[in-house]
């Protein structure tokens, strides 16, 4: 009796498998016929099937580019953070050394390289903050540029 139920179960599964196999074959035939018909009717650049495939590829590429942009933004923020830490730290040590030797040092405003560095880092911070402001995600911790960066969304 159990063997009979098992045999019926396999027959049902076999029937379903055959149905799916036939459906897959029928869909492949329809796809082939559509491709041939579209090749005859449309030039290559206007073939709806090729355009649909191109759109799908572009969507996939956009996702990949979006992720790569996030990685670049994170790397850029990391470079800015490290540069700020190292350059400002070195500048402070240099000032201490100059002061201990009795030598005058250049003020921040009279040092064109330091002024340009501050301008670049301020522009980057402003860009990130303005991006957050557009998304309405600014919060009490918005002064931390790293947190701003990670919450910035690359627009599609």
C-alpha atoms as a PDB file:
ATOM      1  CA  UNK A   1       0.000   0.000   0.000  1.00  0.00           C
ATOM      2  CA  UNK A   2       2.824   2.410   0.893  1.00  0.00           C
ATOM      3  CA  UNK A   3       4.655   1.405  -2.283  1.00  0.00           C
ATOM      4  CA  UNK A   4       1.537   2.230  -4.300  1.00  0.00           C
ATOM      5  CA  UNK A   5       1.375   5.785  -2.782  1.00  0.00           C
ATOM      6  CA  UNK A   6       5.071   6.296  -3.439  1.00  0.00           C
ATOM      7  CA  UNK A   7       4.604   5.223  -7.067  1.00  0.00           C
ATOM      8  CA  UNK A   8       1.665   7.667  -7.459  1.00  0.00           C
ATOM      9  CA  UNK A   9       3.763  10.423  -5.883  1.00  0.00           C
ATOM     10  CA  UNK A  10       6.579   9.834  -8.377  1.00  0.00           C
ATOM     11  CA  UNK A  11       4.118   9.783 -11.277  1.00  0.00           C
ATOM     12  CA  UNK A  12       2.737  13.170 -10.156  1.00  0.00           C
ATOM     13  CA  UNK A  13       6.247  14.585  -9.814  1.00  0.00           C
ATOM     14  CA  UNK A  14       7.220  13.141 -13.191  1.00  0.00           C
ATOM     15  CA  UNK A  15       4.131  14.683 -14.768  1.00  0.00           C
ATOM     16  CA  UNK A  16       4.962  18.070 -13.251  1.00  0.00           C
ATOM     17  CA  UNK A  17       8.580  17.806 -14.409  1.00  0.00           C
ATOM     18  CA  UNK A  18       7.437  16.974 -17.928  1.00  0.00           C
ATOM     19  CA  UNK A  19       5.018  19.917 -17.894  1.00  0.00           C
ATOM     20  CA  UNK A  20       7.787  22.327 -16.825  1.00  0.00           C
ATOM     21  CA  UNK A  21      10.162  20.891 -19.428  1.00  0.00           C
ATOM     22  CA  UNK A  22       7.572  21.375 -22.178  1.00  0.00           C
ATOM     23  CA  UNK A  23       6.795  24.919 -20.954  1.00  0.00           C
ATOM     24  CA  UNK A  24      10.499  25.778 -20.944  1.00  0.00           C
ATOM     25  CA  UNK A  25      10.869  24.429 -24.482  1.00  0.00           C
ATOM     26  CA  UNK A  26       7.797  26.368 -25.662  1.00  0.00           C
ATOM     27  CA  UNK A  27       9.133  29.598 -24.135  1.00  0.00           C
ATOM     28  CA  UNK A  28      12.517  29.043 -25.807  1.00  0.00           C
ATOM     29  CA  UNK A  29      10.769  28.602 -29.174  1.00  0.00           C
ATOM     30  CA  UNK A  30       8.752  31.802 -28.630  1.00  0.00           C
ATOM     31  CA  UNK A  31      11.901  33.691 -27.647  1.00  0.00           C
ATOM     32  CA  UNK A  32      13.735  32.435 -30.742  1.00  0.00           C
ATOM     33  CA  UNK A  33      10.859  33.397 -33.029  1.00  0.00           C
ATOM     34  CA  UNK A  34      10.604  36.872 -31.463  1.00  0.00           C
ATOM     35  CA  UNK A  35      14.343  37.415 -31.866  1.00  0.00           C
ATOM     36  CA  UNK A  36      14.175  36.416 -35.551  1.00  0.00           C
ATOM     37  CA  UNK A  37      11.108  38.571 -36.180  1.00  0.00           C
ATOM     38  CA  UNK A  38      12.639  41.590 -34.421  1.00  0.00           C
ATOM     39  CA  UNK A  39      15.881  41.153 -36.364  1.00  0.00           C
ATOM     40  CA  UNK A  40      13.915  41.360 -39.609  1.00  0.00           C
ATOM     41  CA  UNK A  41      11.681  44.283 -38.581  1.00  0.00           C
ATOM     42  CA  UNK A  42      14.022  46.530 -36.570  1.00  0.00           C
ATOM     43  CA  UNK A  43      17.564  47.709 -37.175  1.00  0.00           C
ATOM     44  CA  UNK A  44      20.061  46.532 -34.553  1.00  0.00           C
ATOM     45  CA  UNK A  45      19.953  49.790 -32.604  1.00  0.00           C
ATOM     46  CA  UNK A  46      16.135  49.747 -32.273  1.00  0.00           C
ATOM     47  CA  UNK A  47      15.501  46.067 -31.619  1.00  0.00           C
ATOM     48  CA  UNK A  48      13.217  46.021 -28.522  1.00  0.00           C
ATOM     49  CA  UNK A  49      14.734  42.802 -27.190  1.00  0.00           C
ATOM     50  CA  UNK A  50      18.270  44.138 -27.489  1.00  0.00           C
ATOM     51  CA  UNK A  51      17.185  47.421 -25.927  1.00  0.00           C
ATOM     52  CA  UNK A  52      15.630  45.550 -23.006  1.00  0.00           C
ATOM     53  CA  UNK A  53      18.872  43.595 -22.527  1.00  0.00           C
ATOM     54  CA  UNK A  54      20.888  46.826 -22.697  1.00  0.00           C
ATOM     55  CA  UNK A  55      18.617  48.459 -20.109  1.00  0.00           C
ATOM     56  CA  UNK A  56      19.069  45.473 -17.789  1.00  0.00           C
ATOM     57  CA  UNK A  57      22.851  45.632 -18.238  1.00  0.00           C
ATOM     58  CA  UNK A  58      22.850  49.376 -17.568  1.00  0.00           C
ATOM     59  CA  UNK A  59      20.848  48.840 -14.374  1.00  0.00           C
ATOM     60  CA  UNK A  60      23.348  46.222 -13.252  1.00  0.00           C
ATOM     61  CA  UNK A  61      26.216  48.556 -14.136  1.00  0.00           C
ATOM     62  CA  UNK A  62      24.598  51.396 -12.178  1.00  0.00           C
ATOM     63  CA  UNK A  63      24.424  49.209  -9.084  1.00  0.00           C
ATOM     64  CA  UNK A  64      28.091  48.316  -9.489  1.00  0.00           C
ATOM     65  CA  UNK A  65      29.072  51.951 -10.092  1.00  0.00           C
ATOM     66  CA  UNK A  66      27.038  53.076  -7.105  1.00  0.00           C
ATOM     67  CA  UNK A  67      28.943  50.665  -4.860  1.00  0.00           C
ATOM     68  CA  UNK A  68      32.266  51.734  -6.372  1.00  0.00           C
ATOM     69  CA  UNK A  69      31.358  55.394  -5.799  1.00  0.00           C
ATOM     70  CA  UNK A  70      30.641  54.655  -2.159  1.00  0.00           C
ATOM     71  CA  UNK A  71      34.050  52.994  -1.852  1.00  0.00           C
ATOM     72  CA  UNK A  72      35.758  55.970  -3.514  1.00  0.00           C
ATOM     73  CA  UNK A  73      33.942  58.393  -1.200  1.00  0.00           C
ATOM     74  CA  UNK A  74      34.974  56.368   1.831  1.00  0.00           C
ATOM     75  CA  UNK A  75      38.581  56.248   0.620  1.00  0.00           C
ATOM     76  CA  UNK A  76      38.543  59.992  -0.063  1.00  0.00           C
ATOM     77  CA  UNK A  77      37.226  60.679   3.424  1.00  0.00           C
ATOM     78  CA  UNK A  78      39.890  58.404   4.884  1.00  0.00           C
ATOM     79  CA  UNK A  79      42.633  60.268   2.993  1.00  0.00           C
ATOM     80  CA  UNK A  80      41.277  63.631   4.139  1.00  0.00           C
ATOM     81  CA  UNK A  81      41.074  62.459   7.753  1.00  0.00           C
ATOM     82  CA  UNK A  82      44.606  61.079   7.700  1.00  0.00           C
ATOM     83  CA  UNK A  83      45.999  64.127   5.904  1.00  0.00           C
ATOM     84  CA  UNK A  84      44.312  66.427   8.387  1.00  0.00           C
ATOM     85  CA  UNK A  85      45.662  64.449  11.340  1.00  0.00           C
ATOM     86  CA  UNK A  86      49.214  64.105  10.008  1.00  0.00           C
ATOM     87  CA  UNK A  87      49.613  67.564   8.473  1.00  0.00           C
ATOM     88  CA  UNK A  88      48.080  69.480  11.370  1.00  0.00           C
ATOM     89  CA  UNK A  89      50.060  67.354  13.852  1.00  0.00           C
ATOM     90  CA  UNK A  90      53.300  67.951  11.953  1.00  0.00           C
ATOM     91  CA  UNK A  91      52.525  71.660  11.687  1.00  0.00           C
ATOM     92  CA  UNK A  92      51.977  71.861  15.445  1.00  0.00           C
ATOM     93  CA  UNK A  93      55.234  69.993  16.148  1.00  0.00           C
ATOM     94  CA  UNK A  94      57.084  72.325  13.776  1.00  0.00           C
ATOM     95  CA  UNK A  95      55.659  75.342  15.587  1.00  0.00           C
ATOM     96  CA  UNK A  96      56.746  73.917  18.934  1.00  0.00           C
ATOM     97  CA  UNK A  97      60.234  73.315  17.572  1.00  0.00           C
ATOM     98  CA  UNK A  98      60.402  76.841  16.139  1.00  0.00           C
ATOM     99  CA  UNK A  99      59.167  78.306  19.422  1.00  0.00           C
ATOM    100  CA  UNK A 100      61.752  76.347  21.410  1.00  0.00           C
ATOM    101  CA  UNK A 101      64.457  77.690  19.100  1.00  0.00           C
ATOM    102  CA  UNK A 102      63.124  81.228  19.333  1.00  0.00           C
ATOM    103  CA  UNK A 103      62.260  81.407  15.641  1.00  0.00           C
ATOM    104  CA  UNK A 104      59.085  83.119  14.464  1.00  0.00           C
ATOM    105  CA  UNK A 105      56.570  80.964  12.661  1.00  0.00           C
ATOM    106  CA  UNK A 106      54.167  81.730   9.857  1.00  0.00           C
ATOM    107  CA  UNK A 107      50.530  82.216  10.879  1.00  0.00           C
ATOM    108  CA  UNK A 108      47.874  79.972   9.361  1.00  0.00           C
ATOM    109  CA  UNK A 109      46.521  82.820   7.229  1.00  0.00           C
ATOM    110  CA  UNK A 110      49.974  83.660   5.809  1.00  0.00           C
ATOM    111  CA  UNK A 111      50.726  80.102   4.711  1.00  0.00           C
ATOM    112  CA  UNK A 112      49.182  79.612   1.229  1.00  0.00           C
ATOM    113  CA  UNK A 113      49.604  75.816   1.270  1.00  0.00           C
ATOM    114  CA  UNK A 114      47.850  75.502   4.639  1.00  0.00           C
ATOM    115  CA  UNK A 115      45.094  77.919   3.557  1.00  0.00           C
ATOM    116  CA  UNK A 116      44.517  75.855   0.406  1.00  0.00           C
ATOM    117  CA  UNK A 117      44.490  72.611   2.415  1.00  0.00           C
ATOM    118  CA  UNK A 118      41.897  74.032   4.824  1.00  0.00           C
ATOM    119  CA  UNK A 119      39.823  75.283   1.882  1.00  0.00           C
ATOM    120  CA  UNK A 120      39.818  71.850   0.214  1.00  0.00           C
ATOM    121  CA  UNK A 121      38.819  70.026   3.394  1.00  0.00           C
ATOM    122  CA  UNK A 122      36.121  72.626   4.155  1.00  0.00           C
ATOM    123  CA  UNK A 123      34.721  72.295   0.604  1.00  0.00           C
ATOM    124  CA  UNK A 124      34.574  68.512   1.004  1.00  0.00           C
ATOM    125  CA  UNK A 125      32.815  68.838   4.354  1.00  0.00           C
ATOM    126  CA  UNK A 126      30.352  71.328   2.855  1.00  0.00           C
ATOM    127  CA  UNK A 127      29.602  68.983  -0.062  1.00  0.00           C
ATOM    128  CA  UNK A 128      28.923  66.084   2.265  1.00  0.00           C
ATOM    129  CA  UNK A 129      26.811  68.222   4.618  1.00  0.00           C
ATOM    130  CA  UNK A 130      24.784  69.690   1.734  1.00  0.00           C
ATOM    131  CA  UNK A 131      24.125  66.158   0.462  1.00  0.00           C
ATOM    132  CA  UNK A 132      22.804  65.169   3.866  1.00  0.00           C
ATOM    133  CA  UNK A 133      20.719  68.322   4.060  1.00  0.00           C
ATOM    134  CA  UNK A 134      19.042  67.435   0.735  1.00  0.00           C
ATOM    135  CA  UNK A 135      18.122  63.994   2.035  1.00  0.00           C
ATOM    136  CA  UNK A 136      16.753  65.367   5.300  1.00  0.00           C
ATOM    137  CA  UNK A 137      18.892  62.976   7.307  1.00  0.00           C
ATOM    138  CA  UNK A 138      20.918  65.525   9.230  1.00  0.00           C
ATOM    139  CA  UNK A 139      20.996  64.910  12.969  1.00  0.00           C
ATOM    140  CA  UNK A 140      22.785  66.047  16.106  1.00  0.00           C
ATOM    141  CA  UNK A 141      25.901  64.103  15.123  1.00  0.00           C
ATOM    142  CA  UNK A 142      26.188  65.892  11.757  1.00  0.00           C
ATOM    143  CA  UNK A 143      29.415  67.617  12.759  1.00  0.00           C
ATOM    144  CA  UNK A 144      31.217  64.262  12.378  1.00  0.00           C
ATOM    145  CA  UNK A 145      32.135  64.185   8.688  1.00  0.00           C
ATOM    146  CA  UNK A 146      32.610  60.405   8.727  1.00  0.00           C
ATOM    147  CA  UNK A 147      29.032  59.890   9.880  1.00  0.00           C
ATOM    148  CA  UNK A 148      27.841  62.392   7.282  1.00  0.00           C
ATOM    149  CA  UNK A 149      29.729  60.554   4.589  1.00  0.00           C
ATOM    150  CA  UNK A 150      28.339  57.157   5.464  1.00  0.00           C
ATOM    151  CA  UNK A 151      24.789  58.466   5.495  1.00  0.00           C
ATOM    152  CA  UNK A 152      25.182  60.266   2.140  1.00  0.00           C
ATOM    153  CA  UNK A 153      23.392  58.452  -0.652  1.00  0.00           C
ATOM    154  CA  UNK A 154      24.739  58.332  -4.204  1.00  0.00           C
ATOM    155  CA  UNK A 155      21.789  59.269  -6.401  1.00  0.00           C
ATOM    156  CA  UNK A 156      20.732  56.850  -9.125  1.00  0.00           C
END
